[in-house]
Amino acid sequence: MNDSTITLPWLVIRQDDNGNRYRVGRYATRAEAQKIADSLDTRGHKQLYWVERIGQNGSAATD
């Protein structure tokens, strides 16, 4: 399998206390993405982390 065939449809998104949103990373499975989001969330910062799936049209949709 080469890089062009790897699918990473799950995103971890961070929202800071000013409302700015950033993509933290892309992951192959929801479980993997959720694990990262949970570990970042437990650090005690004011940021909000969540998981979204990229839709077939390329846009992120909350799952």
Protein backbone atom coordinates (compact mmCIF):
# COMPACT_ATOMS: atom_id res chain seq x y z
CA MET A 1 0.00 0.00 0.00
CA ASN A 2 1.40 3.43 -0.87
CA ASP A 3 0.61 6.84 0.62
CA SER A 4 -2.02 7.66 -2.01
CA THR A 5 -4.21 4.73 -0.94
CA ILE A 6 -4.15 5.39 2.82
CA THR A 7 -7.42 6.81 4.09
CA LEU A 8 -7.49 8.94 7.23
CA PRO A 9 -11.12 10.04 7.49
CA TRP A 10 -11.19 10.88 11.22
CA LEU A 11 -10.14 14.32 12.44
CA VAL A 12 -9.35 15.62 15.90
CA ILE A 13 -10.36 19.28 16.15
CA ARG A 14 -9.31 21.74 18.86
CA GLN A 15 -11.18 24.91 19.72
CA ASP A 16 -9.37 27.44 21.89
CA ASP A 17 -10.96 29.82 24.37
CA ASN A 18 -11.17 32.51 21.63
CA GLY A 19 -13.31 30.27 19.42
CA ASN A 20 -10.54 29.51 16.90
CA ARG A 21 -10.63 25.95 15.53
CA TYR A 22 -7.61 23.91 14.43
CA ARG A 23 -7.14 20.44 13.00
CA VAL A 24 -4.87 18.53 15.38
CA GLY A 25 -4.51 15.40 13.24
CA ARG A 26 -6.08 12.84 10.94
CA TYR A 27 -6.57 9.19 11.90
CA ALA A 28 -7.63 5.92 10.32
CA THR A 29 -10.20 4.94 12.95
CA ARG A 30 -12.60 6.75 15.20
CA ALA A 31 -11.21 4.89 18.21
CA GLU A 32 -7.70 6.14 17.47
CA ALA A 33 -8.91 9.73 17.02
CA GLN A 34 -11.03 9.57 20.18
CA LYS A 35 -8.07 8.26 22.19
CA ILE A 36 -5.99 11.26 21.09
CA ALA A 37 -8.82 13.72 21.79
CA ASP A 38 -9.38 12.23 25.24
CA SER A 39 -5.68 12.36 26.12
CA LEU A 40 -5.45 16.01 25.07
CA ASP A 41 -8.66 16.86 26.93
CA THR A 42 -7.36 15.43 30.22
CA ARG A 43 -4.38 17.81 30.24
CA GLY A 44 -6.58 20.41 31.92
CA HIS A 45 -6.31 23.23 29.39
CA LYS A 46 -9.31 25.34 28.45
CA GLN A 47 -9.36 24.03 24.87
CA LEU A 48 -12.16 21.82 23.66
CA TYR A 49 -11.33 18.70 21.61
CA TRP A 50 -13.68 16.57 19.51
CA VAL A 51 -13.70 14.02 16.70
CA GLU A 52 -15.22 14.54 13.24
CA ARG A 53 -15.36 12.34 10.16
CA ILE A 54 -14.51 13.72 6.75
CA GLY A 55 -17.44 13.14 4.40
CA GLN A 56 -17.22 11.82 0.85
CA ASN A 57 -17.30 15.38 -0.46
CA GLY A 58 -14.20 16.24 1.62
CA SER A 59 -15.96 18.32 4.25
CA ALA A 60 -15.92 17.48 7.93
CA ALA A 61 -19.19 16.37 9.48
CA THR A 62 -19.66 15.81 13.20
CA ASP A 63 -20.33 12.15 13.82
